[in-house]
């Protein structure tokens, strides 16, 4: 009979990564992420599709790891005074803040383009 459960906590080591079965501090799964393979241009667009007419600003193409992307998203949301999230490596900020985010990202050293209509 195959065992369908995995170790998630050990009293000796603490939390265990479900992917690599190593202690969370020594997890190697995070290091296995492939580097971003974009063209190096950060694109800012606006989208209303699937949101009942409410617009969000999308920021795509930022070559950062998940933790760094989360910190950047928090910084950008605070500068806009708005909420948002990260989905599949794309930062979504509620509302239309394209003109406000463009100089903020350029100041951080990214090559930025406004895309879409």
N, C-alpha and C. Protein backbone atom coordinates (compact mmCIF):
# COMPACT_ATOMS: atom_id res chain seq x y z
N UNK A 1 0.84 -1.18 0.00
CA UNK A 1 0.00 0.00 0.00
C UNK A 1 0.89 1.24 0.00
N UNK A 2 0.62 2.16 -0.92
CA UNK A 2 1.41 3.38 -1.04
C UNK A 2 1.02 4.36 0.06
N UNK A 3 2.01 5.04 0.56
CA UNK A 3 1.79 6.01 1.63
C UNK A 3 1.49 7.38 1.01
N UNK A 4 0.35 7.96 1.35
CA UNK A 4 -0.05 9.21 0.71
C UNK A 4 0.22 10.44 1.59
N UNK A 5 0.80 10.26 2.76
CA UNK A 5 1.07 11.42 3.61
C UNK A 5 2.55 11.77 3.57
N UNK A 6 2.84 13.04 3.85
CA UNK A 6 4.22 13.51 3.87
C UNK A 6 4.50 14.21 5.18
N UNK A 7 5.73 14.20 5.59
CA UNK A 7 6.16 14.86 6.80
C UNK A 7 6.13 16.37 6.59
N UNK A 8 5.48 17.10 7.49
CA UNK A 8 5.43 18.56 7.38
C UNK A 8 6.06 19.24 8.58
N UNK A 9 6.26 18.49 9.67
CA UNK A 9 6.88 19.07 10.86
C UNK A 9 7.63 17.97 11.61
N UNK A 10 8.80 18.32 12.08
CA UNK A 10 9.59 17.40 12.88
C UNK A 10 10.01 18.13 14.15
N UNK A 11 9.93 17.46 15.30
CA UNK A 11 10.33 18.11 16.55
C UNK A 11 11.83 18.38 16.57
N UNK A 12 12.60 17.64 15.80
CA UNK A 12 14.04 17.85 15.73
C UNK A 12 14.41 19.03 14.83
N UNK A 13 13.72 19.16 13.69
CA UNK A 13 14.12 20.13 12.67
C UNK A 13 13.13 21.26 12.46
N UNK A 14 11.92 21.18 12.98
CA UNK A 14 10.91 22.21 12.75
C UNK A 14 10.12 21.93 11.48
N UNK A 15 9.66 22.99 10.81
CA UNK A 15 8.87 22.83 9.58
C UNK A 15 9.70 22.20 8.47
N UNK A 16 9.06 21.34 7.70
CA UNK A 16 9.70 20.63 6.60
C UNK A 16 9.06 21.09 5.29
N UNK A 17 9.90 21.38 4.29
CA UNK A 17 9.41 21.76 2.97
C UNK A 17 8.74 20.56 2.32
N UNK A 18 7.50 20.69 1.83
CA UNK A 18 6.82 19.55 1.21
C UNK A 18 7.44 19.13 -0.12
N UNK A 19 8.17 20.04 -0.76
CA UNK A 19 8.75 19.73 -2.06
C UNK A 19 10.03 18.92 -1.97
N UNK A 20 10.97 19.38 -1.14
CA UNK A 20 12.29 18.73 -1.11
C UNK A 20 12.53 17.94 0.18
N UNK A 21 11.58 17.98 1.12
CA UNK A 21 11.69 17.25 2.39
C UNK A 21 12.89 17.67 3.23
N UNK A 22 13.34 18.91 3.06
CA UNK A 22 14.43 19.47 3.86
C UNK A 22 13.83 20.43 4.88
N UNK A 23 14.57 20.74 5.98
CA UNK A 23 14.06 21.77 6.88
C UNK A 23 13.87 23.08 6.11
N UNK A 24 12.85 23.85 6.48
CA UNK A 24 12.47 25.02 5.70
C UNK A 24 13.62 26.02 5.55
N UNK A 25 14.50 26.12 6.55
CA UNK A 25 15.64 27.03 6.45
C UNK A 25 16.65 26.56 5.41
N UNK A 26 16.67 25.26 5.11
CA UNK A 26 17.63 24.70 4.16
C UNK A 26 16.96 24.26 2.86
N UNK A 27 15.79 24.78 2.60
CA UNK A 27 15.01 24.39 1.42
C UNK A 27 15.79 24.69 0.13
N UNK A 28 15.81 23.71 -0.76
CA UNK A 28 16.49 23.89 -2.04
C UNK A 28 15.49 24.13 -3.18
N UNK A 29 14.21 24.02 -2.90
CA UNK A 29 13.19 24.24 -3.93
C UNK A 29 13.22 25.67 -4.44
N UNK A 30 13.41 26.62 -3.52
CA UNK A 30 13.42 28.03 -3.91
C UNK A 30 14.56 28.31 -4.89
N UNK A 31 15.66 27.61 -4.73
CA UNK A 31 16.81 27.83 -5.58
C UNK A 31 16.64 27.20 -6.96
N UNK A 32 15.68 26.27 -7.09
CA UNK A 32 15.47 25.60 -8.36
C UNK A 32 14.66 26.42 -9.35
N UNK A 33 14.13 27.57 -8.92
CA UNK A 33 13.33 28.39 -9.82
C UNK A 33 14.18 28.89 -10.98
N UNK A 34 13.66 28.76 -12.17
CA UNK A 34 14.39 29.21 -13.36
C UNK A 34 14.46 30.73 -13.36
N UNK A 35 15.57 31.30 -13.80
CA UNK A 35 15.65 32.76 -13.87
C UNK A 35 14.66 33.30 -14.90
N UNK A 36 14.23 34.53 -14.69
CA UNK A 36 13.27 35.15 -15.59
C UNK A 36 13.86 35.25 -16.98
N UNK A 37 13.07 34.88 -17.99
CA UNK A 37 13.58 34.85 -19.36
C UNK A 37 12.83 35.83 -20.26
N UNK A 38 12.60 37.04 -19.78
CA UNK A 38 11.91 38.04 -20.57
C UNK A 38 12.89 38.87 -21.39
N UNK A 39 12.39 39.95 -21.97
CA UNK A 39 13.24 40.81 -22.79
C UNK A 39 13.84 41.97 -22.00
N UNK A 40 13.62 42.01 -20.69
CA UNK A 40 14.21 43.04 -19.85
C UNK A 40 13.40 44.32 -19.77
N UNK A 41 12.23 44.34 -20.37
CA UNK A 41 11.39 45.54 -20.35
C UNK A 41 10.18 45.27 -19.46
N UNK A 42 9.95 46.17 -18.52
CA UNK A 42 8.79 46.07 -17.64
C UNK A 42 7.63 46.77 -18.35
N UNK A 43 6.50 46.10 -18.44
CA UNK A 43 5.35 46.65 -19.14
C UNK A 43 4.23 46.95 -18.15
N UNK A 44 3.66 48.16 -18.28
CA UNK A 44 2.55 48.57 -17.44
C UNK A 44 1.33 48.71 -18.33
N UNK A 45 0.25 48.03 -17.96
CA UNK A 45 -0.98 48.11 -18.75
C UNK A 45 -2.18 48.19 -17.82
N UNK A 46 -3.33 48.45 -18.41
CA UNK A 46 -4.58 48.52 -17.66
C UNK A 46 -5.51 47.45 -18.22
N UNK A 47 -6.25 46.80 -17.32
CA UNK A 47 -7.14 45.74 -17.76
C UNK A 47 -8.44 45.78 -16.97
N UNK A 48 -9.56 45.53 -17.66
CA UNK A 48 -10.86 45.45 -16.99
C UNK A 48 -11.51 44.09 -17.21
N UNK A 49 -10.93 43.27 -18.04
CA UNK A 49 -11.50 41.98 -18.41
C UNK A 49 -11.71 41.09 -17.19
N UNK A 50 -12.94 40.59 -17.04
CA UNK A 50 -13.25 39.67 -15.95
C UNK A 50 -13.37 40.32 -14.59
N UNK A 51 -13.49 41.65 -14.56
CA UNK A 51 -13.55 42.36 -13.28
C UNK A 51 -14.79 43.25 -13.18
N UNK A 52 -15.81 42.92 -13.94
CA UNK A 52 -17.08 43.66 -13.93
C UNK A 52 -16.88 45.15 -14.17
N UNK A 53 -15.97 45.50 -15.08
CA UNK A 53 -15.75 46.88 -15.46
C UNK A 53 -14.76 47.63 -14.59
N UNK A 54 -14.35 47.05 -13.49
CA UNK A 54 -13.38 47.72 -12.62
C UNK A 54 -11.98 47.48 -13.16
N UNK A 55 -11.21 48.54 -13.29
CA UNK A 55 -9.89 48.43 -13.89
C UNK A 55 -8.80 48.14 -12.87
N UNK A 56 -7.78 47.44 -13.32
CA UNK A 56 -6.57 47.21 -12.54
C UNK A 56 -5.37 47.56 -13.41
N UNK A 57 -4.30 47.94 -12.77
CA UNK A 57 -3.05 48.21 -13.46
C UNK A 57 -2.18 46.97 -13.33
N UNK A 58 -1.70 46.46 -14.45
CA UNK A 58 -0.85 45.26 -14.47
C UNK A 58 0.59 45.67 -14.71
N UNK A 59 1.50 45.10 -13.93
CA UNK A 59 2.93 45.34 -14.11
C UNK A 59 3.57 43.98 -14.39
N UNK A 60 4.04 43.80 -15.62
CA UNK A 60 4.58 42.52 -16.06
C UNK A 60 6.06 42.64 -16.42
N UNK A 61 6.79 41.54 -16.28
CA UNK A 61 8.17 41.49 -16.76
C UNK A 61 9.21 41.93 -15.77
N UNK A 62 8.88 41.95 -14.48
CA UNK A 62 9.88 42.34 -13.48
C UNK A 62 10.71 41.10 -13.13
N UNK A 63 12.02 41.16 -13.37
CA UNK A 63 12.87 39.98 -13.17
C UNK A 63 13.32 39.83 -11.71
N UNK A 64 12.38 39.50 -10.82
CA UNK A 64 12.69 39.32 -9.41
C UNK A 64 12.18 37.98 -8.91
N UNK A 65 12.79 37.50 -7.84
CA UNK A 65 12.31 36.29 -7.17
C UNK A 65 11.00 36.61 -6.45
N UNK A 66 10.30 35.59 -6.01
CA UNK A 66 8.97 35.77 -5.42
C UNK A 66 8.98 36.69 -4.21
N UNK A 67 9.95 36.53 -3.31
CA UNK A 67 9.99 37.35 -2.10
C UNK A 67 10.26 38.82 -2.44
N UNK A 68 11.19 39.05 -3.37
CA UNK A 68 11.52 40.42 -3.77
C UNK A 68 10.36 41.06 -4.52
N UNK A 69 9.66 40.26 -5.32
CA UNK A 69 8.50 40.76 -6.06
C UNK A 69 7.39 41.17 -5.09
N UNK A 70 7.21 40.38 -4.05
CA UNK A 70 6.21 40.69 -3.04
C UNK A 70 6.53 42.00 -2.33
N UNK A 71 7.80 42.22 -2.01
CA UNK A 71 8.22 43.46 -1.35
C UNK A 71 8.02 44.66 -2.28
N UNK A 72 8.36 44.49 -3.56
CA UNK A 72 8.17 45.58 -4.53
C UNK A 72 6.69 45.89 -4.69
N UNK A 73 5.85 44.86 -4.76
CA UNK A 73 4.41 45.07 -4.90
C UNK A 73 3.87 45.85 -3.71
N UNK A 74 4.32 45.52 -2.52
CA UNK A 74 3.88 46.24 -1.33
C UNK A 74 4.27 47.71 -1.40
N UNK A 75 5.49 47.97 -1.84
CA UNK A 75 5.98 49.35 -1.97
C UNK A 75 5.15 50.12 -2.99
N UNK A 76 4.86 49.51 -4.13
CA UNK A 76 4.09 50.18 -5.18
C UNK A 76 2.65 50.42 -4.75
N UNK A 77 2.05 49.46 -4.06
CA UNK A 77 0.68 49.62 -3.59
C UNK A 77 0.60 50.77 -2.58
N UNK A 78 1.60 50.87 -1.71
CA UNK A 78 1.60 51.95 -0.73
C UNK A 78 1.77 53.31 -1.41
N UNK A 79 2.59 53.37 -2.45
CA UNK A 79 2.78 54.65 -3.14
C UNK A 79 1.51 55.08 -3.87
N UNK A 80 0.69 54.12 -4.28
CA UNK A 80 -0.57 54.44 -4.96
C UNK A 80 -1.72 54.62 -3.97
N UNK A 81 -1.54 54.11 -2.76
CA UNK A 81 -2.63 54.16 -1.79
C UNK A 81 -3.76 53.25 -2.17
N UNK A 82 -3.41 52.08 -2.71
CA UNK A 82 -4.41 51.17 -3.23
C UNK A 82 -4.05 49.74 -2.88
N UNK A 83 -4.98 48.84 -3.07
CA UNK A 83 -4.74 47.43 -2.84
C UNK A 83 -4.28 46.74 -4.10
N UNK A 84 -3.99 45.47 -3.98
CA UNK A 84 -3.58 44.70 -5.14
C UNK A 84 -3.09 43.33 -4.74
N UNK A 85 -2.51 42.63 -5.71
CA UNK A 85 -2.04 41.27 -5.48
C UNK A 85 -0.97 40.93 -6.50
N UNK A 86 -0.42 39.72 -6.36
CA UNK A 86 0.52 39.18 -7.33
C UNK A 86 -0.06 37.87 -7.84
N UNK A 87 -0.20 37.74 -9.15
CA UNK A 87 -0.70 36.50 -9.76
C UNK A 87 0.23 36.09 -10.88
N UNK A 88 0.82 34.94 -10.78
CA UNK A 88 1.71 34.38 -11.80
C UNK A 88 2.83 35.34 -12.18
N UNK A 89 3.42 35.99 -11.20
CA UNK A 89 4.54 36.90 -11.45
C UNK A 89 4.14 38.26 -11.99
N UNK A 90 2.85 38.55 -12.02
CA UNK A 90 2.34 39.84 -12.50
C UNK A 90 1.74 40.58 -11.31
N UNK A 91 2.18 41.82 -11.11
CA UNK A 91 1.63 42.64 -10.02
C UNK A 91 0.37 43.30 -10.53
N UNK A 92 -0.73 43.15 -9.78
CA UNK A 92 -2.00 43.79 -10.10
C UNK A 92 -2.30 44.82 -9.02
N UNK A 93 -2.52 46.07 -9.42
CA UNK A 93 -2.86 47.12 -8.49
C UNK A 93 -4.23 47.65 -8.86
N UNK A 94 -5.12 47.74 -7.88
CA UNK A 94 -6.50 48.15 -8.13
C UNK A 94 -6.54 49.62 -8.53
N UNK A 95 -7.15 49.89 -9.68
CA UNK A 95 -7.28 51.25 -10.18
C UNK A 95 -6.32 51.51 -11.33
N UNK A 96 -6.44 52.71 -11.91
CA UNK A 96 -5.58 53.09 -13.04
C UNK A 96 -4.46 54.00 -12.53
N UNK A 97 -3.28 53.42 -12.32
CA UNK A 97 -2.12 54.15 -11.79
C UNK A 97 -0.93 54.09 -12.73
N UNK A 98 -1.18 53.93 -14.03
CA UNK A 98 -0.08 53.78 -14.98
C UNK A 98 0.87 54.97 -14.96
N UNK A 99 0.33 56.17 -14.99
CA UNK A 99 1.17 57.38 -15.05
C UNK A 99 1.94 57.60 -13.74
N UNK A 100 1.43 57.12 -12.64
CA UNK A 100 2.10 57.27 -11.36
C UNK A 100 3.18 56.20 -11.17
N UNK A 101 2.96 55.01 -11.71
CA UNK A 101 3.91 53.91 -11.54
C UNK A 101 5.10 54.00 -12.49
N UNK A 102 4.92 54.61 -13.65
CA UNK A 102 5.99 54.72 -14.63
C UNK A 102 7.23 55.39 -14.04
N UNK A 103 7.15 56.60 -13.48
CA UNK A 103 8.36 57.21 -12.93
C UNK A 103 8.91 56.48 -11.71
N UNK A 104 8.02 55.84 -10.94
CA UNK A 104 8.48 55.10 -9.76
C UNK A 104 9.35 53.92 -10.15
N UNK A 105 8.96 53.22 -11.21
CA UNK A 105 9.74 52.05 -11.66
C UNK A 105 11.02 52.48 -12.37
N UNK A 106 10.97 53.59 -13.10
CA UNK A 106 12.18 54.11 -13.75
C UNK A 106 13.19 54.52 -12.69
N UNK A 107 12.71 55.13 -11.62
CA UNK A 107 13.58 55.54 -10.52
C UNK A 107 14.27 54.34 -9.87
N UNK A 108 13.60 53.18 -9.89
CA UNK A 108 14.19 51.95 -9.34
C UNK A 108 15.16 51.29 -10.32
N UNK A 109 15.28 51.85 -11.52
CA UNK A 109 16.26 51.35 -12.47
C UNK A 109 15.75 50.40 -13.53
N UNK A 110 14.45 50.28 -13.69
CA UNK A 110 13.88 49.41 -14.70
C UNK A 110 13.64 50.15 -15.99
N UNK A 111 13.73 49.44 -17.10
CA UNK A 111 13.34 49.98 -18.39
C UNK A 111 11.85 49.71 -18.53
N UNK A 112 11.03 50.77 -18.62
CA UNK A 112 9.58 50.63 -18.52
C UNK A 112 8.90 51.14 -19.77
N UNK A 113 7.83 50.45 -20.19
CA UNK A 113 7.00 50.88 -21.30
C UNK A 113 5.54 50.78 -20.89
N UNK A 114 4.73 51.73 -21.36
CA UNK A 114 3.29 51.62 -21.20
C UNK A 114 2.79 50.78 -22.36
N UNK A 115 1.99 49.78 -22.07
CA UNK A 115 1.46 48.92 -23.14
C UNK A 115 -0.04 48.92 -23.10
N UNK A 116 -0.65 48.54 -24.18
CA UNK A 116 -2.10 48.51 -24.26
C UNK A 116 -2.68 49.87 -24.57
N UNK A 117 -4.01 49.98 -24.48
CA UNK A 117 -4.70 51.20 -24.86
C UNK A 117 -4.87 52.20 -23.80
